[in-house]
Amino acid sequence: MNDRNHTEFMQVGEFVADFGENELEHTDDLVGKRLNIHLENGWIIRHHFAANQALTWEMIEGVDTDPAAPTSASETYRATNLREGFYLVDFVKGQRPTQSVSLVLDFKQGICTAVIADMPSREETLKPLFQRVLDKEILTPMRATYLNGAIDKPIDAQTPRHQRTDELVGKRLLHRYGSKDAYEHIYLSPEFYTWNCTEGPEVGLADTDQANYFKLDDELYLFVWLEKVIPTEGLIMVDLKSMKTSGKIFGYEGDDFGKTSNTPVGAVLTVLNKARYS
């Protein structure tokens, strides 16, 4: 238990050990599929899903901002199917272990949303919060890029998009990750949310962090948060019909910045209340 005089935040690898208890199992539904993902930045990336969670991707068109970045690779992926027609595919690049890729595949509309998260360096992490304020930067050193895309067809102005939404704002949900771990989420605004650990290793800790919300379908959302105290990306699909989530938490395993942790997480939801801010 944390006391009033000592606040101990933990690295991701230290507190997520039991977070997978309520997470969905990996699905092999995508095995054998070859999908060309056309992204709005001009990239076309072919993804081949094979057995044993093997994924091969190849850049068919476009150039990475890093000229040294590979144009193809084989990865180990994880896929979950929270609602029929929607898959969350997630992996950490083997040749770039500080970068994770998450793809929300929406076969209902033939579109996807890609989220590329990059862990900060030690120097970026140690930059004081007040200096970030003075430099007019976001408070977290985490970086995330959000890209709309289409599956096996070009993306254009008529292509549907998963739009940003404020439909979760005002809701207060209890996320139970397992028998020993629970967190309260309070969705404050389209840019921020508050988390509060009610059970588990971080019990008594709370913070307010940057948030991003996207509507995927009726009562189905993609929620991404970026923590500032301990550099962390959390990414989950939230289904308010089944009252479940599926996703992951990505961060450093320890404090030496040498190894990342990309842990599957899923929760059973309870609505605590709903506030109206206007």
C-alpha atoms as a PDB file:
ATOM      1  CA  MET A   1       0.000   0.000   0.000  1.00  0.00           C
ATOM      2  CA  ASN A   2       1.319   3.451  -0.915  1.00  0.00           C
ATOM      3  CA  ASP A   3       1.297   5.962   1.936  1.00  0.00           C
ATOM      4  CA  ARG A   4       0.787   9.722   1.744  1.00  0.00           C
ATOM      5  CA  ASN A   5       4.520  10.423   1.778  1.00  0.00           C
ATOM      6  CA  HIS A   6       5.645   7.913  -0.833  1.00  0.00           C
ATOM      7  CA  THR A   7       4.291   7.496  -4.346  1.00  0.00           C
ATOM      8  CA  GLU A   8       5.845   4.580  -6.181  1.00  0.00           C
ATOM      9  CA  PHE A   9       5.056   4.353  -9.868  1.00  0.00           C
ATOM     10  CA  MET A  10       6.111   1.097 -11.513  1.00  0.00           C
ATOM     11  CA  GLN A  11       7.528   0.137 -14.899  1.00  0.00           C
ATOM     12  CA  VAL A  12       5.113  -1.722 -17.161  1.00  0.00           C
ATOM     13  CA  GLY A  13       6.956  -5.023 -16.808  1.00  0.00           C
ATOM     14  CA  GLU A  14       6.515  -4.898 -13.030  1.00  0.00           C
ATOM     15  CA  PHE A  15       2.732  -4.666 -12.670  1.00  0.00           C
ATOM     16  CA  VAL A  16       1.036  -6.300 -15.698  1.00  0.00           C
ATOM     17  CA  ALA A  17       1.785  -9.953 -14.906  1.00  0.00           C
ATOM     18  CA  ASP A  18      -1.860 -10.788 -14.140  1.00  0.00           C
ATOM     19  CA  PHE A  19      -3.499  -8.409 -16.602  1.00  0.00           C
ATOM     20  CA  GLY A  20      -4.213 -11.154 -19.148  1.00  0.00           C
ATOM     21  CA  GLU A  21      -6.661 -13.106 -17.002  1.00  0.00           C
ATOM     22  CA  ASN A  22      -9.717 -11.554 -18.684  1.00  0.00           C
ATOM     23  CA  GLU A  23      -8.104 -10.997 -22.085  1.00  0.00           C
ATOM     24  CA  LEU A  24      -9.404 -12.780 -25.172  1.00  0.00           C
ATOM     25  CA  GLU A  25      -7.433 -15.689 -26.569  1.00  0.00           C
ATOM     26  CA  HIS A  26      -5.445 -15.189 -29.748  1.00  0.00           C
ATOM     27  CA  THR A  27      -7.484 -16.110 -32.821  1.00  0.00           C
ATOM     28  CA  ASP A  28      -6.198 -17.882 -35.937  1.00  0.00           C
ATOM     29  CA  ASP A  29      -9.031 -16.480 -38.071  1.00  0.00           C
ATOM     30  CA  LEU A  30      -6.556 -14.478 -40.170  1.00  0.00           C
ATOM     31  CA  VAL A  31      -4.211 -17.383 -40.939  1.00  0.00           C
ATOM     32  CA  GLY A  32      -3.722 -17.722 -44.694  1.00  0.00           C
ATOM     33  CA  LYS A  33      -4.894 -14.199 -45.498  1.00  0.00           C
ATOM     34  CA  ARG A  34      -2.796 -11.742 -47.501  1.00  0.00           C
ATOM     35  CA  LEU A  35      -4.008  -8.188 -46.928  1.00  0.00           C
ATOM     36  CA  ASN A  36      -2.772  -5.060 -48.664  1.00  0.00           C
ATOM     37  CA  ILE A  37      -3.275  -2.151 -46.270  1.00  0.00           C
ATOM     38  CA  HIS A  38      -3.500   1.192 -48.121  1.00  0.00           C
ATOM     39  CA  LEU A  39      -2.740   3.998 -45.644  1.00  0.00           C
ATOM     40  CA  GLU A  40      -3.562   7.674 -46.025  1.00  0.00           C
ATOM     41  CA  ASN A  41       0.123   8.683 -45.938  1.00  0.00           C
ATOM     42  CA  GLY A  42       0.750   6.827 -49.196  1.00  0.00           C
ATOM     43  CA  TRP A  43       2.053   3.582 -47.744  1.00  0.00           C
ATOM     44  CA  ILE A  44       0.834   0.266 -49.095  1.00  0.00           C
ATOM     45  CA  ILE A  45       1.898  -2.572 -46.839  1.00  0.00           C
ATOM     46  CA  ARG A  46       1.225  -6.244 -47.592  1.00  0.00           C
ATOM     47  CA  HIS A  47       0.561  -8.438 -44.567  1.00  0.00           C
ATOM     48  CA  HIS A  48       0.688 -12.225 -44.812  1.00  0.00           C
ATOM     49  CA  PHE A  49      -0.709 -14.066 -41.793  1.00  0.00           C
ATOM     50  CA  ALA A  50       0.613 -17.585 -41.255  1.00  0.00           C
ATOM     51  CA  ALA A  51       0.308 -20.310 -38.629  1.00  0.00           C
ATOM     52  CA  ASN A  52       1.917 -20.082 -35.192  1.00  0.00           C
ATOM     53  CA  GLN A  53       1.261 -16.322 -34.994  1.00  0.00           C
ATOM     54  CA  ALA A  54       3.746 -15.621 -37.790  1.00  0.00           C
ATOM     55  CA  LEU A  55       3.296 -12.421 -39.787  1.00  0.00           C
ATOM     56  CA  THR A  56       5.312 -11.212 -42.762  1.00  0.00           C
ATOM     57  CA  TRP A  57       4.909  -7.602 -43.882  1.00  0.00           C
ATOM     58  CA  GLU A  58       6.352  -5.851 -46.919  1.00  0.00           C
ATOM     59  CA  MET A  59       6.308  -2.195 -47.911  1.00  0.00           C
ATOM     60  CA  ILE A  60       4.856  -2.238 -51.445  1.00  0.00           C
ATOM     61  CA  GLU A  61       4.724   1.514 -51.843  1.00  0.00           C
ATOM     62  CA  GLY A  62       5.925   4.478 -49.804  1.00  0.00           C
ATOM     63  CA  VAL A  63       9.022   5.413 -47.840  1.00  0.00           C
ATOM     64  CA  ASP A  64       9.539   5.307 -44.083  1.00  0.00           C
ATOM     65  CA  THR A  65      10.653   8.551 -42.457  1.00  0.00           C
ATOM     66  CA  ASP A  66      13.701   6.634 -41.201  1.00  0.00           C
ATOM     67  CA  PRO A  67      15.865   5.806 -44.247  1.00  0.00           C
ATOM     68  CA  ALA A  68      17.472   2.953 -42.306  1.00  0.00           C
ATOM     69  CA  ALA A  69      14.136   1.275 -41.583  1.00  0.00           C
ATOM     70  CA  PRO A  70      13.609  -2.171 -43.135  1.00  0.00           C
ATOM     71  CA  THR A  71      11.073  -2.515 -45.960  1.00  0.00           C
ATOM     72  CA  SER A  72      10.022  -6.039 -44.990  1.00  0.00           C
ATOM     73  CA  ALA A  73      10.266  -8.327 -41.991  1.00  0.00           C
ATOM     74  CA  SER A  74       8.811 -11.357 -40.258  1.00  0.00           C
ATOM     75  CA  GLU A  75       7.176 -10.770 -36.890  1.00  0.00           C
ATOM     76  CA  THR A  76       5.212 -12.551 -34.187  1.00  0.00           C
ATOM     77  CA  TYR A  77       1.707 -11.097 -34.009  1.00  0.00           C
ATOM     78  CA  ARG A  78      -1.335 -11.399 -31.818  1.00  0.00           C
ATOM     79  CA  ALA A  79      -4.928 -11.056 -33.040  1.00  0.00           C
ATOM     80  CA  THR A  80      -8.179 -10.846 -31.086  1.00  0.00           C
ATOM     81  CA  ASN A  81     -11.789 -10.679 -32.249  1.00  0.00           C
ATOM     82  CA  LEU A  82     -13.798  -8.650 -29.732  1.00  0.00           C
ATOM     83  CA  ARG A  83     -16.808  -8.281 -32.055  1.00  0.00           C
ATOM     84  CA  GLU A  84     -17.753 -10.025 -35.282  1.00  0.00           C
ATOM     85  CA  GLY A  85     -16.048  -8.374 -38.247  1.00  0.00           C
ATOM     86  CA  PHE A  86     -13.452  -6.521 -36.148  1.00  0.00           C
ATOM     87  CA  TYR A  87      -9.928  -7.723 -35.398  1.00  0.00           C
ATOM     88  CA  LEU A  88      -7.137  -6.142 -33.388  1.00  0.00           C
ATOM     89  CA  VAL A  89      -3.718  -7.153 -34.723  1.00  0.00           C
ATOM     90  CA  ASP A  90      -0.693  -6.173 -32.662  1.00  0.00           C
ATOM     91  CA  PHE A  91       3.054  -6.735 -32.800  1.00  0.00           C
ATOM     92  CA  VAL A  92       6.397  -5.218 -31.838  1.00  0.00           C
ATOM     93  CA  LYS A  93       8.877  -4.899 -34.658  1.00  0.00           C
ATOM     94  CA  GLY A  94      11.731  -7.336 -34.150  1.00  0.00           C
ATOM     95  CA  GLN A  95      14.230  -5.032 -35.843  1.00  0.00           C
ATOM     96  CA  ARG A  96      12.897  -1.999 -33.984  1.00  0.00           C
ATOM     97  CA  PRO A  97      11.819  -3.240 -30.535  1.00  0.00           C
ATOM     98  CA  THR A  98      10.920   0.233 -29.271  1.00  0.00           C
ATOM     99  CA  GLN A  99       8.112   0.484 -31.844  1.00  0.00           C
ATOM    100  CA  SER A 100       4.772  -1.304 -31.762  1.00  0.00           C
ATOM    101  CA  VAL A 101       2.155  -1.549 -34.493  1.00  0.00           C
ATOM    102  CA  SER A 102      -1.563  -2.014 -33.843  1.00  0.00           C
ATOM    103  CA  LEU A 103      -4.068  -2.527 -36.645  1.00  0.00           C
ATOM    104  CA  VAL A 104      -7.828  -2.384 -36.153  1.00  0.00           C
ATOM    105  CA  LEU A 105      -9.153  -4.370 -39.113  1.00  0.00           C
ATOM    106  CA  ASP A 106     -12.781  -3.496 -39.846  1.00  0.00           C
ATOM    107  CA  PHE A 107     -14.028  -6.028 -42.394  1.00  0.00           C
ATOM    108  CA  LYS A 108     -17.534  -4.633 -42.033  1.00  0.00           C
ATOM    109  CA  GLN A 109     -16.488  -1.471 -43.906  1.00  0.00           C
ATOM    110  CA  GLY A 110     -13.248  -2.733 -45.491  1.00  0.00           C
ATOM    111  CA  ILE A 111     -11.130  -0.196 -43.606  1.00  0.00           C
ATOM    112  CA  CYS A 112      -8.551  -0.079 -40.836  1.00  0.00           C
ATOM    113  CA  THR A 113      -6.949   2.235 -38.319  1.00  0.00           C
ATOM    114  CA  ALA A 114      -3.207   1.869 -37.714  1.00  0.00           C
ATOM    115  CA  VAL A 115      -1.539   3.054 -34.515  1.00  0.00           C
ATOM    116  CA  ILE A 116       2.262   3.191 -34.476  1.00  0.00           C
ATOM    117  CA  ALA A 117       3.729   3.833 -31.022  1.00  0.00           C
ATOM    118  CA  ASP A 118       7.358   4.747 -30.340  1.00  0.00           C
ATOM    119  CA  MET A 119       9.055   4.508 -26.965  1.00  0.00           C
ATOM    120  CA  PRO A 120      11.162   7.539 -25.975  1.00  0.00           C
ATOM    121  CA  SER A 121      14.894   7.511 -25.359  1.00  0.00           C
ATOM    122  CA  ARG A 122      16.299   7.944 -21.858  1.00  0.00           C
ATOM    123  CA  GLU A 123      17.055  11.603 -22.628  1.00  0.00           C
ATOM    124  CA  GLU A 124      13.507  12.247 -23.817  1.00  0.00           C
ATOM    125  CA  THR A 125      12.066  10.496 -20.773  1.00  0.00           C
ATOM    126  CA  LEU A 126      14.169  12.514 -18.320  1.00  0.00           C
ATOM    127  CA  LYS A 127      13.120  15.873 -19.767  1.00  0.00           C
ATOM    128  CA  PRO A 128      11.265  17.743 -16.976  1.00  0.00           C
ATOM    129  CA  LEU A 129       7.521  18.236 -17.333  1.00  0.00           C
ATOM    130  CA  PHE A 130       7.828  21.977 -16.837  1.00  0.00           C
ATOM    131  CA  GLN A 131      10.331  22.182 -19.683  1.00  0.00           C
ATOM    132  CA  ARG A 132       7.811  20.386 -21.873  1.00  0.00           C
ATOM    133  CA  VAL A 133       5.261  23.022 -20.932  1.00  0.00           C
ATOM    134  CA  LEU A 134       7.699  25.813 -21.812  1.00  0.00           C
ATOM    135  CA  ASP A 135       8.483  24.112 -25.133  1.00  0.00           C
ATOM    136  CA  LYS A 136       4.737  23.757 -25.856  1.00  0.00           C
ATOM    137  CA  GLU A 137       5.006  19.974 -26.093  1.00  0.00           C
ATOM    138  CA  ILE A 138       2.595  17.326 -24.864  1.00  0.00           C
ATOM    139  CA  LEU A 139       3.540  16.179 -21.368  1.00  0.00           C
ATOM    140  CA  THR A 140       4.242  12.566 -22.255  1.00  0.00           C
ATOM    141  CA  PRO A 141       7.462  11.590 -24.057  1.00  0.00           C
ATOM    142  CA  MET A 142       5.535   8.772 -25.785  1.00  0.00           C
ATOM    143  CA  ARG A 143       4.792   9.246 -29.476  1.00  0.00           C
ATOM    144  CA  ALA A 144       1.877   7.731 -31.362  1.00  0.00           C
ATOM    145  CA  THR A 145       0.897   8.097 -35.008  1.00  0.00           C
ATOM    146  CA  TYR A 146      -2.678   7.430 -36.123  1.00  0.00           C
ATOM    147  CA  LEU A 147      -3.373   6.527 -39.756  1.00  0.00           C
ATOM    148  CA  ASN A 148      -6.604   5.712 -41.578  1.00  0.00           C
ATOM    149  CA  GLY A 149      -6.464   2.957 -44.146  1.00  0.00           C
ATOM    150  CA  ALA A 150      -8.381   0.715 -46.504  1.00  0.00           C
ATOM    151  CA  ILE A 151      -8.129  -3.056 -46.873  1.00  0.00           C
ATOM    152  CA  ASP A 152      -7.217  -4.355 -50.360  1.00  0.00           C
ATOM    153  CA  LYS A 153      -8.296  -1.154 -52.108  1.00  0.00           C
ATOM    154  CA  PRO A 154      -7.029   2.413 -52.499  1.00  0.00           C
ATOM    155  CA  ILE A 155      -8.027   4.960 -49.888  1.00  0.00           C
ATOM    156  CA  ASP A 156      -9.631   8.168 -51.158  1.00  0.00           C
ATOM    157  CA  ALA A 157     -11.936  10.956 -50.043  1.00  0.00           C
ATOM    158  CA  GLN A 158     -14.981   8.659 -50.206  1.00  0.00           C
ATOM    159  CA  THR A 159     -13.422   5.933 -48.052  1.00  0.00           C
ATOM    160  CA  PRO A 160     -15.054   5.721 -44.595  1.00  0.00           C
ATOM    161  CA  ARG A 161     -12.867   6.511 -41.591  1.00  0.00           C
ATOM    162  CA  HIS A 162     -12.952   5.589 -37.927  1.00  0.00           C
ATOM    163  CA  GLN A 163     -13.668   9.068 -36.610  1.00  0.00           C
ATOM    164  CA  ARG A 164     -12.579  10.602 -33.331  1.00  0.00           C
ATOM    165  CA  THR A 165     -15.450  10.662 -30.864  1.00  0.00           C
ATOM    166  CA  ASP A 166     -16.538  12.105 -27.534  1.00  0.00           C
ATOM    167  CA  GLU A 167     -19.122   9.370 -26.851  1.00  0.00           C
ATOM    168  CA  LEU A 168     -17.091   7.942 -23.968  1.00  0.00           C
ATOM    169  CA  VAL A 169     -16.575  11.344 -22.343  1.00  0.00           C
ATOM    170  CA  GLY A 170     -18.259  11.523 -18.965  1.00  0.00           C
ATOM    171  CA  LYS A 171     -18.367   7.773 -18.441  1.00  0.00           C
ATOM    172  CA  ARG A 172     -16.731   6.208 -15.394  1.00  0.00           C
ATOM    173  CA  LEU A 173     -15.936   2.534 -15.973  1.00  0.00           C
ATOM    174  CA  LEU A 174     -14.315  -0.067 -13.749  1.00  0.00           C
ATOM    175  CA  HIS A 175     -11.908  -2.251 -15.765  1.00  0.00           C
ATOM    176  CA  ARG A 176     -11.366  -5.603 -14.029  1.00  0.00           C
ATOM    177  CA  TYR A 177      -8.312  -7.227 -15.629  1.00  0.00           C
ATOM    178  CA  GLY A 178      -8.379 -10.235 -13.316  1.00  0.00           C
ATOM    179  CA  SER A 179      -9.190 -11.410  -9.821  1.00  0.00           C
ATOM    180  CA  LYS A 180      -6.414  -9.238  -8.357  1.00  0.00           C
ATOM    181  CA  ASP A 181      -6.310  -6.198 -10.662  1.00  0.00           C
ATOM    182  CA  ALA A 182      -8.843  -3.442 -11.283  1.00  0.00           C
ATOM    183  CA  TYR A 183      -8.633   0.150 -12.498  1.00  0.00           C
ATOM    184  CA  GLU A 184     -11.202   2.892 -12.652  1.00  0.00           C
ATOM    185  CA  HIS A 185     -11.236   4.943 -15.861  1.00  0.00           C
ATOM    186  CA  ILE A 186     -12.842   8.373 -15.883  1.00  0.00           C
ATOM    187  CA  TYR A 187     -13.122   9.739 -19.418  1.00  0.00           C
ATOM    188  CA  LEU A 188     -12.802  13.471 -18.863  1.00  0.00           C
ATOM    189  CA  SER A 189     -12.568  15.038 -22.316  1.00  0.00           C
ATOM    190  CA  PRO A 190     -11.594  14.199 -25.915  1.00  0.00           C
ATOM    191  CA  GLU A 191      -7.954  14.768 -24.886  1.00  0.00           C
ATOM    192  CA  PHE A 192      -7.663  13.432 -21.320  1.00  0.00           C
ATOM    193  CA  TYR A 193      -8.733  10.672 -18.967  1.00  0.00           C
ATOM    194  CA  THR A 194      -7.971   9.688 -15.372  1.00  0.00           C
ATOM    195  CA  TRP A 195      -6.950   6.222 -14.217  1.00  0.00           C
ATOM    196  CA  ASN A 196      -7.168   5.070 -10.624  1.00  0.00           C
ATOM    197  CA  CYS A 197      -5.913   1.679  -9.429  1.00  0.00           C
ATOM    198  CA  THR A 198      -8.471   0.187  -7.026  1.00  0.00           C
ATOM    199  CA  GLU A 199      -6.901  -3.301  -6.753  1.00  0.00           C
ATOM    200  CA  GLY A 200      -3.452  -4.631  -7.589  1.00  0.00           C
ATOM    201  CA  PRO A 201       0.229  -3.633  -7.277  1.00  0.00           C
ATOM    202  CA  GLU A 202      -0.508   0.020  -8.096  1.00  0.00           C
ATOM    203  CA  VAL A 203      -3.424   0.347  -5.663  1.00  0.00           C
ATOM    204  CA  GLY A 204      -3.691   3.926  -4.427  1.00  0.00           C
ATOM    205  CA  LEU A 205      -1.970   5.372  -7.508  1.00  0.00           C
ATOM    206  CA  ALA A 206      -3.803   7.575  -9.995  1.00  0.00           C
ATOM    207  CA  ASP A 207      -2.983  10.049 -12.748  1.00  0.00           C
ATOM    208  CA  THR A 208      -4.475  11.984 -15.626  1.00  0.00           C
ATOM    209  CA  ASP A 209      -3.001  11.307 -19.067  1.00  0.00           C
ATOM    210  CA  GLN A 210      -3.432  12.053 -22.747  1.00  0.00           C
ATOM    211  CA  ALA A 211      -6.256  10.122 -24.397  1.00  0.00           C
ATOM    212  CA  ASN A 212      -7.447   9.414 -27.933  1.00  0.00           C
ATOM    213  CA  TYR A 213     -10.874   7.981 -28.747  1.00  0.00           C
ATOM    214  CA  PHE A 214     -12.161   6.576 -32.058  1.00  0.00           C
ATOM    215  CA  LYS A 215     -15.608   5.204 -32.860  1.00  0.00           C
ATOM    216  CA  LEU A 216     -15.450   1.869 -34.700  1.00  0.00           C
ATOM    217  CA  ASP A 217     -19.119   0.856 -34.625  1.00  0.00           C
ATOM    218  CA  ASP A 218     -22.217   1.227 -32.479  1.00  0.00           C
ATOM    219  CA  GLU A 219     -20.929   1.137 -28.864  1.00  0.00           C
ATOM    220  CA  LEU A 220     -17.519  -0.086 -30.042  1.00  0.00           C
ATOM    221  CA  TYR A 221     -14.464   2.135 -29.597  1.00  0.00           C
ATOM    222  CA  LEU A 222     -10.690   2.252 -29.913  1.00  0.00           C
ATOM    223  CA  PHE A 223      -9.161   3.944 -26.863  1.00  0.00           C
ATOM    224  CA  VAL A 224      -5.462   4.850 -26.695  1.00  0.00           C
ATOM    225  CA  TRP A 225      -3.734   6.524 -23.768  1.00  0.00           C
ATOM    226  CA  LEU A 226      -0.162   7.761 -23.370  1.00  0.00           C
ATOM    227  CA  GLU A 227       1.210   7.991 -19.844  1.00  0.00           C
ATOM    228  CA  LYS A 228       3.688  10.659 -18.805  1.00  0.00           C
ATOM    229  CA  VAL A 229       5.215   9.533 -15.491  1.00  0.00           C
ATOM    230  CA  ILE A 230       6.252   6.092 -16.745  1.00  0.00           C
ATOM    231  CA  PRO A 231       6.355   6.161 -20.576  1.00  0.00           C
ATOM    232  CA  THR A 232       3.535   3.830 -21.568  1.00  0.00           C
ATOM    233  CA  GLU A 233       1.086   3.267 -24.399  1.00  0.00           C
ATOM    234  CA  GLY A 234      -2.193   1.622 -23.535  1.00  0.00           C
ATOM    235  CA  LEU A 235      -4.427   0.546 -26.420  1.00  0.00           C
ATOM    236  CA  ILE A 236      -7.755  -1.251 -26.090  1.00  0.00           C
ATOM    237  CA  MET A 237     -10.914  -1.875 -28.026  1.00  0.00           C
ATOM    238  CA  VAL A 238     -13.913  -1.143 -25.785  1.00  0.00           C
ATOM    239  CA  ASP A 239     -17.216  -2.926 -26.437  1.00  0.00           C
ATOM    240  CA  LEU A 240     -20.078  -1.499 -24.395  1.00  0.00           C
ATOM    241  CA  LYS A 241     -22.433  -4.211 -25.682  1.00  0.00           C
ATOM    242  CA  SER A 242     -20.424  -7.188 -24.427  1.00  0.00           C
ATOM    243  CA  MET A 243     -18.914  -5.028 -21.630  1.00  0.00           C
ATOM    244  CA  LYS A 244     -15.406  -6.269 -22.428  1.00  0.00           C
ATOM    245  CA  THR A 245     -12.124  -4.827 -23.675  1.00  0.00           C
ATOM    246  CA  SER A 246      -9.199  -6.285 -25.591  1.00  0.00           C
ATOM    247  CA  GLY A 247      -5.796  -4.744 -26.153  1.00  0.00           C
ATOM    248  CA  LYS A 248      -2.297  -4.268 -24.792  1.00  0.00           C
ATOM    249  CA  ILE A 249       0.036  -2.162 -22.662  1.00  0.00           C
ATOM    250  CA  PHE A 250       3.425  -1.245 -24.159  1.00  0.00           C
ATOM    251  CA  GLY A 251       6.380   0.134 -22.216  1.00  0.00           C
ATOM    252  CA  TYR A 252       9.845  -0.550 -20.913  1.00  0.00           C
ATOM    253  CA  GLU A 253      10.326  -3.722 -18.899  1.00  0.00           C
ATOM    254  CA  GLY A 254      12.763  -2.083 -16.492  1.00  0.00           C
ATOM    255  CA  ASP A 255      14.560   1.184 -15.910  1.00  0.00           C
ATOM    256  CA  ASP A 256      17.573   0.471 -18.116  1.00  0.00           C
ATOM    257  CA  PHE A 257      15.698   1.274 -21.363  1.00  0.00           C
ATOM    258  CA  GLY A 258      17.070  -1.940 -22.831  1.00  0.00           C
ATOM    259  CA  LYS A 259      13.964  -4.082 -23.199  1.00  0.00           C
ATOM    260  CA  THR A 260      10.288  -3.397 -23.876  1.00  0.00           C
ATOM    261  CA  SER A 261       7.202  -5.176 -22.607  1.00  0.00           C
ATOM    262  CA  ASN A 262       4.135  -5.563 -24.836  1.00  0.00           C
ATOM    263  CA  THR A 263       1.560  -7.283 -22.657  1.00  0.00           C
ATOM    264  CA  PRO A 264      -1.933  -8.391 -23.754  1.00  0.00           C
ATOM    265  CA  VAL A 265      -4.648  -6.972 -21.504  1.00  0.00           C
ATOM    266  CA  GLY A 266      -8.377  -7.358 -21.393  1.00  0.00           C
ATOM    267  CA  ALA A 267     -11.022  -6.404 -18.891  1.00  0.00           C
ATOM    268  CA  VAL A 268     -14.591  -6.995 -17.861  1.00  0.00           C
ATOM    269  CA  LEU A 269     -16.369  -3.651 -17.549  1.00  0.00           C
ATOM    270  CA  THR A 270     -18.725  -2.222 -14.961  1.00  0.00           C
ATOM    271  CA  VAL A 271     -20.380   1.171 -15.416  1.00  0.00           C
ATOM    272  CA  LEU A 272     -19.931   3.176 -12.214  1.00  0.00           C
ATOM    273  CA  ASN A 273     -21.672   6.345 -13.340  1.00  0.00           C
ATOM    274  CA  LYS A 274     -22.078   8.859 -16.160  1.00  0.00           C
ATOM    275  CA  ALA A 275     -21.468  12.578 -15.751  1.00  0.00           C
ATOM    276  CA  ARG A 276     -22.620  15.431 -17.970  1.00  0.00           C
ATOM    277  CA  TYR A 277     -20.091  18.226 -18.294  1.00  0.00           C
ATOM    278  CA  SER A 278     -22.293  20.631 -20.241  1.00  0.00           C
END
